Amino acid sequence: WQLARDIRQLDRTMREPGGIDELRRAEILRLLASMDDVTGKLGTQGQRSNHPMLDNNLSAFRQDIELAQRAVEGNPPNYALVGLLPGACVYCHGTAH
């Protein structure tokens, strides 16, 4: 559930009007770190999610999170990859706005 909550918050944060300031950038990085932590625990010691698509594509999803983190940490930051993460969920589940 934490991963779903982080994805929804990430999507809301990215959709906020206006430019991305340092405070918003820090929130995006916090959410990406949380997602990385949660997905890092999946697959260890037999832990699985309740989502077969995520379980089958976990390594690719984790790589996407890592690439998004690096892009946001860059100078200048790039947020294009961040927007793809919620999009992967919305593709199947639709939006919950």
Protein backbone atom coordinates (compact mmCIF):
# COMPACT_ATOMS: atom_id res chain seq x y z
CA TRP A 1 0.00 0.00 0.00
CA GLN A 2 2.87 2.36 0.68
CA LEU A 3 4.05 2.11 -2.91
CA ALA A 4 0.59 2.97 -4.24
CA ARG A 5 0.38 5.92 -1.84
CA ASP A 6 3.82 7.16 -2.94
CA ILE A 7 2.90 6.85 -6.62
CA ARG A 8 -0.32 8.84 -6.10
CA GLN A 9 1.52 11.53 -4.13
CA LEU A 10 4.27 11.67 -6.77
CA ASP A 11 1.66 12.14 -9.49
CA ARG A 12 -0.08 14.91 -7.51
CA THR A 13 3.23 16.62 -6.79
CA MET A 14 4.24 16.55 -10.45
CA ARG A 15 0.85 17.93 -11.54
CA GLU A 16 0.88 20.91 -9.19
CA PRO A 17 0.78 24.15 -11.16
CA GLY A 18 3.88 26.27 -11.47
CA GLY A 19 7.54 25.48 -11.70
CA ILE A 20 9.31 22.96 -9.53
CA ASP A 21 11.16 24.76 -6.74
CA GLU A 22 13.66 23.23 -4.32
CA LEU A 23 10.94 22.27 -1.83
CA ARG A 24 8.97 20.39 -4.48
CA ARG A 25 12.17 18.83 -5.83
CA ALA A 26 13.01 17.58 -2.33
CA GLU A 27 9.52 16.06 -2.01
CA ILE A 28 9.93 14.30 -5.36
CA LEU A 29 13.30 12.90 -4.27
CA ARG A 30 11.82 11.80 -0.92
CA LEU A 31 9.02 9.93 -2.70
CA LEU A 32 11.44 8.30 -5.13
CA ALA A 33 13.65 7.19 -2.23
CA SER A 34 10.63 5.74 -0.44
CA MET A 35 9.58 3.88 -3.59
CA ASP A 36 13.12 2.56 -4.00
CA ASP A 37 13.12 1.37 -0.39
CA VAL A 38 9.75 -0.38 -0.70
CA THR A 39 10.57 -2.09 -3.99
CA GLY A 40 13.99 -3.07 -2.63
CA LYS A 41 12.26 -5.06 0.10
CA LEU A 42 10.05 -6.89 -2.38
CA GLY A 43 11.55 -10.10 -3.63
CA THR A 44 13.82 -10.45 -0.61
CA GLN A 45 13.20 -13.30 1.76
CA GLY A 46 10.29 -14.46 -0.38
CA GLN A 47 8.31 -11.22 -0.05
CA ARG A 48 6.02 -10.48 -2.95
CA SER A 49 3.54 -7.75 -3.66
CA ASN A 50 -0.15 -8.37 -4.24
CA HIS A 51 0.38 -7.25 -7.82
CA PRO A 52 1.55 -9.88 -10.35
CA MET A 53 2.55 -7.30 -12.98
CA LEU A 54 4.82 -5.55 -10.49
CA ASP A 55 6.31 -8.83 -9.29
CA ASN A 56 7.09 -9.89 -12.87
CA ASN A 57 8.67 -6.54 -13.77
CA LEU A 58 10.19 -5.51 -10.45
CA SER A 59 13.79 -5.17 -11.64
CA ALA A 60 12.78 -2.96 -14.57
CA PHE A 61 10.57 -0.82 -12.32
CA ARG A 62 13.40 -0.43 -9.80
CA GLN A 63 15.73 0.60 -12.62
CA ASP A 64 13.17 3.21 -13.74
CA ILE A 65 13.04 4.61 -10.19
CA GLU A 66 16.84 4.79 -10.05
CA LEU A 67 17.06 6.54 -13.43
CA ALA A 68 14.39 9.04 -12.37
CA GLN A 69 16.29 9.76 -9.13
CA ARG A 70 19.52 10.41 -11.00
CA ALA A 71 17.75 12.68 -13.47
CA VAL A 72 16.17 14.75 -10.68
CA GLU A 73 19.51 14.97 -8.86
CA GLY A 74 21.19 16.24 -12.04
CA ASN A 75 22.14 19.81 -12.76
CA PRO A 76 19.82 20.94 -14.18
CA PRO A 77 17.22 18.48 -12.89
CA ASN A 78 15.18 16.56 -15.45
CA TYR A 79 11.68 15.42 -14.45
CA ALA A 80 10.63 13.59 -17.63
CA LEU A 81 11.37 10.12 -16.24
CA VAL A 82 9.52 10.89 -13.01
CA GLY A 83 6.28 11.34 -14.93
CA LEU A 84 6.61 7.88 -16.45
CA LEU A 85 6.43 6.12 -13.08
CA PRO A 86 2.80 7.01 -12.27
CA GLY A 87 2.01 6.47 -15.95
CA ALA A 88 2.98 2.82 -15.65
CA CYS A 89 0.30 2.37 -12.98
CA VAL A 90 -2.33 4.56 -14.64
CA TYR A 91 -1.99 2.50 -17.83
CA CYS A 92 -3.74 -0.43 -16.11
CA HIS A 93 -5.54 1.15 -13.17
CA GLY A 94 -6.69 4.49 -14.57
CA THR A 95 -6.52 7.72 -12.59
CA ALA A 96 -7.87 8.19 -9.10
CA HIS A 97 -8.00 12.01 -9.10
